[in-house]
Protein backbone atom coordinates (compact mmCIF):
# COMPACT_ATOMS: atom_id res chain seq x y z
CA MET A 1 -17.35 -37.37 -32.43
CA ASN A 2 -14.49 -40.23 -31.09
CA THR A 3 -15.65 -41.12 -27.85
CA LYS A 4 -12.51 -43.73 -27.45
CA LEU A 5 -10.05 -40.94 -27.00
CA TYR A 6 -8.89 -39.93 -23.39
CA PRO A 7 -6.46 -37.90 -21.49
CA ILE A 8 -3.26 -39.11 -22.72
CA LYS A 9 -0.11 -39.18 -20.92
CA PHE A 10 3.67 -39.63 -22.31
CA THR A 11 6.66 -41.29 -21.16
CA PRO A 12 9.13 -38.29 -20.39
CA ILE A 13 12.44 -37.83 -22.65
CA LEU A 14 15.15 -37.14 -19.97
CA LYS A 15 18.11 -35.23 -20.81
CA ASP A 16 21.38 -35.22 -19.59
CA LYS A 17 22.68 -31.64 -19.34
CA ILE A 18 26.05 -30.13 -18.18
CA TRP A 19 24.09 -27.60 -16.36
CA GLY A 20 21.44 -29.96 -15.07
CA GLY A 21 20.96 -31.04 -11.39
CA ASP A 22 18.82 -33.02 -9.40
CA LYS A 23 15.52 -30.99 -8.68
CA LEU A 24 13.58 -33.06 -11.76
CA LYS A 25 14.09 -36.30 -9.80
CA LEU A 26 13.78 -34.76 -6.09
CA THR A 27 10.95 -32.30 -6.40
CA LEU A 28 8.99 -33.54 -9.71
CA ASP A 29 9.50 -37.20 -9.22
CA LYS A 30 11.35 -38.12 -12.66
CA LYS A 31 12.84 -41.50 -12.47
CA SER A 32 16.73 -41.27 -13.86
CA GLU A 33 19.99 -42.48 -13.34
CA LEU A 34 21.48 -39.24 -14.90
CA GLU A 35 23.64 -37.22 -12.66
CA LYS A 36 22.98 -34.02 -14.11
CA LEU A 37 19.45 -34.16 -15.41
CA GLY A 38 18.47 -30.73 -16.92
CA GLU A 39 15.61 -31.11 -18.95
CA SER A 40 12.31 -33.39 -18.80
CA TRP A 41 10.44 -33.32 -22.69
CA GLU A 42 7.15 -34.00 -21.39
CA LEU A 43 5.52 -33.80 -24.82
CA SER A 44 7.68 -33.65 -28.22
CA GLY A 45 7.04 -34.04 -31.62
CA VAL A 46 10.84 -33.21 -32.31
CA GLU A 47 12.56 -35.54 -34.65
CA GLY A 48 14.29 -38.12 -33.03
CA ASP A 49 12.72 -37.18 -29.61
CA ILE A 50 8.90 -38.14 -30.22
CA SER A 51 7.01 -38.86 -27.27
CA VAL A 52 5.35 -42.39 -26.37
CA VAL A 53 2.04 -43.07 -24.92
CA SER A 54 2.33 -44.55 -21.63
CA ASN A 55 -1.53 -44.95 -20.56
CA GLY A 56 -4.72 -46.64 -21.80
CA PHE A 57 -4.93 -48.38 -24.95
CA LEU A 58 -2.63 -46.12 -27.25
CA ALA A 59 0.13 -46.95 -24.50
CA GLY A 60 3.52 -47.91 -26.78
CA ASN A 61 2.22 -45.59 -29.96
CA ASN A 62 4.18 -42.11 -30.30
CA LEU A 63 2.67 -39.20 -30.50
CA GLN A 64 3.17 -39.16 -34.45
CA GLU A 65 1.66 -42.18 -35.06
CA ILE A 66 -1.71 -41.28 -33.06
CA ILE A 67 -2.19 -38.04 -34.93
CA GLU A 68 -1.91 -40.04 -38.30
CA ILE A 69 -4.52 -42.10 -36.79
CA TYR A 70 -6.60 -39.38 -34.98
CA MET A 71 -5.98 -36.36 -37.03
CA GLY A 72 -7.96 -33.69 -36.18
CA ASP A 73 -9.83 -35.58 -33.40
CA LEU A 74 -6.46 -35.27 -31.43
CA VAL A 75 -5.27 -31.63 -32.25
CA GLY A 76 -8.14 -29.90 -33.47
CA GLU A 77 -9.11 -29.44 -37.30
CA SER A 78 -7.73 -26.27 -38.14
CA ILE A 79 -4.53 -27.24 -36.24
CA TYR A 80 -4.21 -30.48 -38.34
CA SER A 81 -4.97 -28.76 -41.79
CA LYS A 82 -2.13 -26.22 -40.89
CA PHE A 83 0.62 -28.91 -39.28
CA GLY A 84 -0.43 -32.23 -40.39
CA ASN A 85 1.19 -35.04 -38.55
CA GLU A 86 3.45 -32.42 -36.79
CA PHE A 87 2.73 -31.77 -33.40
CA PRO A 88 3.39 -27.82 -33.14
CA LEU A 89 4.15 -27.40 -29.30
CA LEU A 90 6.88 -28.71 -27.11
CA PHE A 91 6.62 -28.95 -23.42
CA LYS A 92 9.43 -29.36 -20.98
CA PHE A 93 10.39 -29.25 -17.40
CA ILE A 94 13.98 -27.65 -17.14
CA ASP A 95 16.39 -27.70 -13.81
CA ALA A 96 19.16 -25.34 -14.24
CA ASN A 97 21.33 -26.29 -11.68
CA ASP A 98 24.26 -23.84 -13.31
CA ASP A 99 23.86 -20.84 -15.50
CA LEU A 100 22.56 -21.61 -18.92
CA SER A 101 24.49 -20.02 -22.23
CA ILE A 102 23.04 -16.59 -23.15
CA GLN A 103 21.08 -17.31 -26.28
CA VAL A 104 18.65 -16.24 -28.99
CA HIS A 105 16.28 -18.11 -30.97
CA PRO A 106 15.50 -16.87 -34.70
CA ASP A 107 11.90 -16.24 -35.98
CA ASP A 108 9.65 -18.27 -38.46
CA LYS A 109 11.23 -16.50 -41.62
CA LEU A 110 14.98 -16.89 -40.56
CA SER A 111 14.66 -20.29 -39.41
CA LYS A 112 12.61 -21.63 -42.48
CA GLU A 113 15.41 -19.92 -44.61
CA ARG A 114 18.30 -21.37 -42.91
CA HIS A 115 17.01 -24.62 -41.03
CA ASN A 116 13.84 -25.53 -42.75
CA ALA A 117 12.10 -25.17 -39.41
CA PHE A 118 9.70 -23.35 -37.22
CA GLY A 119 11.20 -20.50 -35.20
CA LYS A 120 11.17 -20.59 -31.76
CA THR A 121 8.85 -18.37 -29.13
CA GLU A 122 8.50 -19.97 -26.11
CA MET A 123 7.39 -18.91 -22.32
CA TRP A 124 8.48 -19.88 -18.85
CA TYR A 125 6.65 -20.56 -15.59
CA VAL A 126 9.01 -20.40 -12.51
CA LEU A 127 7.94 -23.55 -10.12
CA GLN A 128 11.06 -23.04 -7.68
CA ALA A 129 13.88 -20.86 -7.12
CA GLU A 130 16.86 -20.40 -4.99
CA PRO A 131 17.22 -17.32 -3.19
CA LYS A 132 18.77 -14.41 -5.35
CA SER A 133 18.23 -16.81 -8.64
CA GLN A 134 17.88 -14.90 -11.98
CA LEU A 135 16.77 -15.14 -15.11
CA VAL A 136 18.16 -13.15 -18.36
CA SER A 137 15.62 -11.40 -20.78
CA GLY A 138 16.16 -8.57 -23.25
CA PHE A 139 18.36 -5.40 -22.98
CA VAL A 140 18.49 -3.00 -20.13
CA LYS A 141 17.47 -0.40 -23.00
CA GLU A 142 17.10 -0.55 -26.69
CA SER A 143 20.36 -1.29 -28.37
CA THR A 144 22.25 -1.53 -31.74
CA LYS A 145 24.06 -4.51 -33.58
CA GLU A 146 27.10 -2.23 -33.29
CA GLU A 147 26.98 -1.63 -29.68
CA TYR A 148 26.06 -5.36 -28.97
CA LEU A 149 29.18 -6.49 -30.95
CA LYS A 150 31.43 -3.71 -29.22
CA ALA A 151 30.21 -5.28 -25.71
CA LEU A 152 30.62 -8.86 -27.00
CA SER A 153 34.20 -8.27 -27.86
CA ASP A 154 35.04 -6.20 -24.92
CA GLY A 155 33.68 -9.02 -22.88
CA LYS A 156 30.91 -6.73 -21.27
CA LEU A 157 27.85 -8.35 -22.89
CA MET A 158 26.24 -8.73 -19.64
CA SER A 159 26.01 -5.13 -18.65
CA LEU A 160 23.74 -4.84 -21.84
CA LEU A 161 21.39 -7.47 -20.95
CA LYS A 162 18.41 -7.37 -18.32
CA SER A 163 18.79 -9.94 -15.12
CA HIS A 164 15.41 -10.32 -13.18
CA GLU A 165 15.44 -11.99 -9.81
CA VAL A 166 12.69 -14.66 -9.79
CA SER A 167 10.49 -16.56 -7.46
CA GLU A 168 7.88 -19.28 -7.84
CA GLY A 169 5.08 -17.97 -10.07
CA ASP A 170 6.99 -15.86 -11.97
CA THR A 171 6.46 -15.74 -15.63
CA PHE A 172 8.27 -14.75 -18.89
CA PHE A 173 6.93 -14.64 -22.37
CA ILE A 174 10.22 -15.04 -24.63
CA ARG A 175 9.64 -13.84 -28.35
CA ALA A 176 11.90 -15.14 -31.22
CA GLY A 177 14.60 -12.79 -31.30
CA ASN A 178 14.95 -12.31 -27.60
CA VAL A 179 18.04 -12.63 -25.54
CA HIS A 180 17.74 -14.63 -22.58
CA ALA A 181 19.16 -17.36 -20.39
CA ILE A 182 18.18 -19.41 -17.33
CA GLY A 183 20.16 -18.87 -14.36
CA ALA A 184 21.55 -21.35 -11.61
CA GLY A 185 18.90 -22.24 -8.94
CA VAL A 186 15.74 -22.13 -11.27
CA LEU A 187 13.14 -24.98 -11.89
CA LEU A 188 10.72 -24.25 -14.40
CA ALA A 189 8.32 -25.31 -16.98
CA GLU A 190 8.72 -24.24 -20.67
CA ILE A 191 6.47 -24.26 -23.48
CA GLN A 192 7.55 -23.96 -27.01
CA GLN A 193 6.89 -24.08 -30.71
CA THR A 194 8.16 -27.26 -31.97
CA SER A 195 11.68 -26.29 -32.70
CA ASP A 196 15.19 -27.29 -31.48
CA VAL A 197 17.03 -24.30 -33.18
CA THR A 198 19.17 -22.25 -30.44
CA TYR A 199 21.79 -19.68 -31.20
CA ARG A 200 24.31 -19.87 -28.39
CA ILE A 201 25.79 -16.46 -28.21
CA TYR A 202 27.81 -16.31 -24.59
CA ASP A 203 28.82 -19.07 -22.22
CA TYR A 204 30.88 -17.38 -19.80
CA ASP A 205 33.96 -18.54 -21.19
CA ARG A 206 33.40 -21.79 -19.36
CA LYS A 207 35.27 -24.71 -20.66
CA ASP A 208 34.45 -28.71 -20.39
CA SER A 209 36.56 -31.34 -18.80
CA ALA A 210 38.66 -31.51 -21.90
CA GLY A 211 39.75 -27.94 -21.50
CA ASN A 212 37.48 -26.72 -24.60
CA THR A 213 34.93 -23.88 -24.97
CA ARG A 214 31.38 -24.68 -26.55
CA GLU A 215 30.41 -23.80 -29.77
CA LEU A 216 29.01 -20.03 -30.18
CA HIS A 217 27.11 -18.76 -33.01
CA THR A 218 28.04 -15.52 -32.89
CA ASP A 219 27.44 -14.63 -36.88
CA LEU A 220 24.06 -16.65 -37.22
CA ALA A 221 22.73 -14.61 -34.15
CA LEU A 222 23.53 -11.03 -35.42
CA ASP A 223 20.50 -11.32 -37.58
CA ALA A 224 18.32 -13.25 -34.91
CA ILE A 225 18.23 -10.80 -32.30
CA ASP A 226 15.82 -8.07 -31.62
CA TYR A 227 17.87 -5.32 -30.42
CA LYS A 228 15.04 -3.22 -29.29
CA ASP A 229 13.60 -5.91 -26.86
CA THR A 230 13.77 -4.78 -23.41
CA ASN A 231 11.48 -7.64 -21.99
CA GLU A 232 9.88 -7.56 -18.73
CA LYS A 233 8.67 -10.59 -16.64
CA VAL A 234 4.58 -11.09 -17.23
CA SER A 235 2.39 -9.07 -14.98
CA TYR A 236 -0.99 -10.79 -13.48
CA SER A 237 -3.01 -11.14 -11.16
CA ALA A 238 -3.28 -14.56 -9.15
CA LYS A 239 -7.00 -15.72 -8.68
CA LYS A 240 -8.44 -18.94 -7.21
CA ASN A 241 -10.90 -21.10 -9.53
CA GLU A 242 -10.52 -19.08 -12.78
CA ALA A 243 -8.16 -19.43 -15.83
CA VAL A 244 -5.73 -16.43 -15.48
CA ASN A 245 -4.07 -15.71 -18.83
CA LEU A 246 -0.22 -15.91 -18.50
CA ALA A 247 0.76 -15.53 -22.42
CA SER A 248 -1.57 -15.28 -25.60
CA CYS A 249 0.14 -15.44 -29.18
CA GLN A 250 -0.55 -17.08 -32.71
CA TYR A 251 1.79 -20.01 -31.40
CA PHE A 252 -0.19 -20.71 -28.10
CA VAL A 253 -2.20 -19.66 -25.13
CA THR A 254 -1.35 -20.55 -21.55
CA ASN A 255 -3.35 -20.00 -18.65
CA LEU A 256 -2.90 -20.55 -15.20
CA LEU A 257 -5.49 -22.81 -12.96
CA HIS A 258 -5.12 -22.23 -9.25
CA ILE A 259 -7.88 -24.27 -7.88
CA ASN A 260 -9.47 -25.75 -4.51
CA GLU A 261 -12.63 -26.90 -5.97
CA ALA A 262 -14.06 -28.59 -9.03
CA PHE A 263 -13.28 -26.42 -12.12
CA GLU A 264 -15.41 -27.28 -15.49
CA ARG A 265 -13.99 -26.54 -18.60
CA ASP A 266 -15.63 -26.82 -22.45
CA VAL A 267 -12.99 -27.16 -24.18
CA TYR A 268 -14.71 -28.30 -27.29
CA LEU A 269 -15.08 -24.52 -27.68
CA LEU A 270 -11.32 -24.04 -28.57
CA ASN A 271 -11.23 -26.52 -31.39
CA SER A 272 -7.62 -27.64 -30.19
CA PHE A 273 -6.09 -30.07 -28.15
CA VAL A 274 -5.72 -28.90 -24.31
CA VAL A 275 -2.35 -29.77 -22.50
CA TYR A 276 -2.26 -29.50 -18.60
CA MET A 277 1.14 -28.97 -16.55
CA CYS A 278 0.63 -29.77 -13.08
CA VAL A 279 3.03 -27.42 -11.31
CA SER A 280 1.69 -27.97 -7.71
CA GLY A 281 -0.67 -30.60 -5.85
CA SER A 282 -2.68 -32.86 -7.66
CA ALA A 283 -6.06 -33.38 -9.48
CA LYS A 284 -8.37 -35.78 -10.88
CA ILE A 285 -9.19 -34.95 -14.86
CA MET A 286 -12.67 -36.05 -15.84
CA CYS A 287 -14.28 -36.10 -19.28
CA THR A 288 -17.66 -35.72 -20.43
CA ASN A 289 -17.13 -38.73 -22.38
CA GLY A 290 -16.51 -40.74 -18.91
CA GLU A 291 -12.72 -41.10 -19.42
CA LYS A 292 -10.72 -39.83 -16.40
CA GLU A 293 -6.83 -39.77 -15.77
CA THR A 294 -5.19 -38.10 -12.36
CA ILE A 295 -2.10 -35.70 -12.58
CA THR A 296 0.13 -34.87 -10.16
CA LYS A 297 3.12 -32.43 -9.57
CA GLY A 298 5.51 -32.71 -12.51
CA GLU A 299 2.91 -34.38 -14.88
CA THR A 300 1.45 -33.59 -18.20
CA VAL A 301 -1.57 -34.71 -19.85
CA LEU A 302 -3.11 -34.19 -23.32
CA ILE A 303 -6.83 -33.77 -23.46
CA PRO A 304 -7.83 -34.68 -27.45
CA ALA A 305 -9.57 -31.80 -29.22
CA ALA A 306 -12.71 -34.66 -29.80
CA ILE A 307 -13.44 -34.49 -26.15
CA ASP A 308 -16.04 -32.13 -25.29
CA GLY A 309 -15.51 -31.06 -21.69
CA VAL A 310 -13.54 -31.72 -18.56
CA THR A 311 -13.91 -31.39 -14.99
CA ILE A 312 -10.88 -30.88 -12.74
CA GLU A 313 -11.07 -31.94 -9.48
CA PRO A 314 -7.92 -31.00 -7.07
CA ASP A 315 -6.97 -33.21 -4.34
CA GLY A 316 -6.99 -29.97 -2.00
CA ASP A 317 -4.91 -27.13 -3.83
CA ALA A 318 -3.58 -27.37 -7.17
CA LYS A 319 -1.83 -25.32 -9.99
CA LEU A 320 -1.99 -26.47 -13.54
CA LEU A 321 -1.01 -24.65 -16.56
CA GLU A 322 -3.36 -24.73 -19.23
CA VAL A 323 -2.13 -24.45 -22.98
CA TYR A 324 -3.92 -24.79 -26.36
CA ILE A 325 -3.62 -23.13 -29.57
CA LYS A 326 -6.19 -20.26 -30.41
CA GLU A 327 -8.06 -20.61 -33.92
CA VAL A 328 -6.61 -18.34 -36.69
């Protein structure tokens, strides 16, 4: 067992978006000169946007390089066997200062055929929401391709889609095929498959400064949409000092840890890397091999699979999202 590995932090990859705002800077302390900061890619293996280590002796190496070196010790043996040097998940914080376009992501089969890429199943956890802020997820009732196309051509797509008023802690599991959008005033964490394939299907007829509308992917989206998807927000009971499950699928498991005392986790039992995203407060993560690291609101830490266990000690009260991949 490699005892040199430690809780690894990465330099956020910050993205300028037409709909972005300033909450990532003001609320999550992201350092940026961007006026419309929309996304902070916390941990990414997406080609062209591969995260770089910011702490410890691995600082300066990127995620792909350290997977090549540590392989199963970093990500877990079965995960390395399946994905090789490709990191299978993407972690983001997103600030929607304006409505995002209505979109859908293709599943693995369609993404492989069309883009030689993975599909995109994802989830959202709301950190903060302005009063009356909404997310779109799913259809109001089961629909058909014909009903969808007619509503789209008549400019009435929104009447088919389900809007959800949201507040802090609300969670949505967004399967590939689910029509969805983040509404204005929402700050959230997003956990997803490593994929950047998105089909934009409606953009509220918005125009940019040059008077142009953004590209839509109407035809591509038709076979990607699940017209029977009437998605609701995740129902869970908030409990302190235990792992509360928010999502569990073949791509990832996400738990919420709301802790005000030391929390021990035998992570070696998972046979997977574990990622912690701090969504409130701060904590110290102490590993059984003696390594330790602090995590504060807006930070993300990767625990290598070779580490046997961790103890998370909150500074008062803290909330963390815990993410890993279950063995298949």
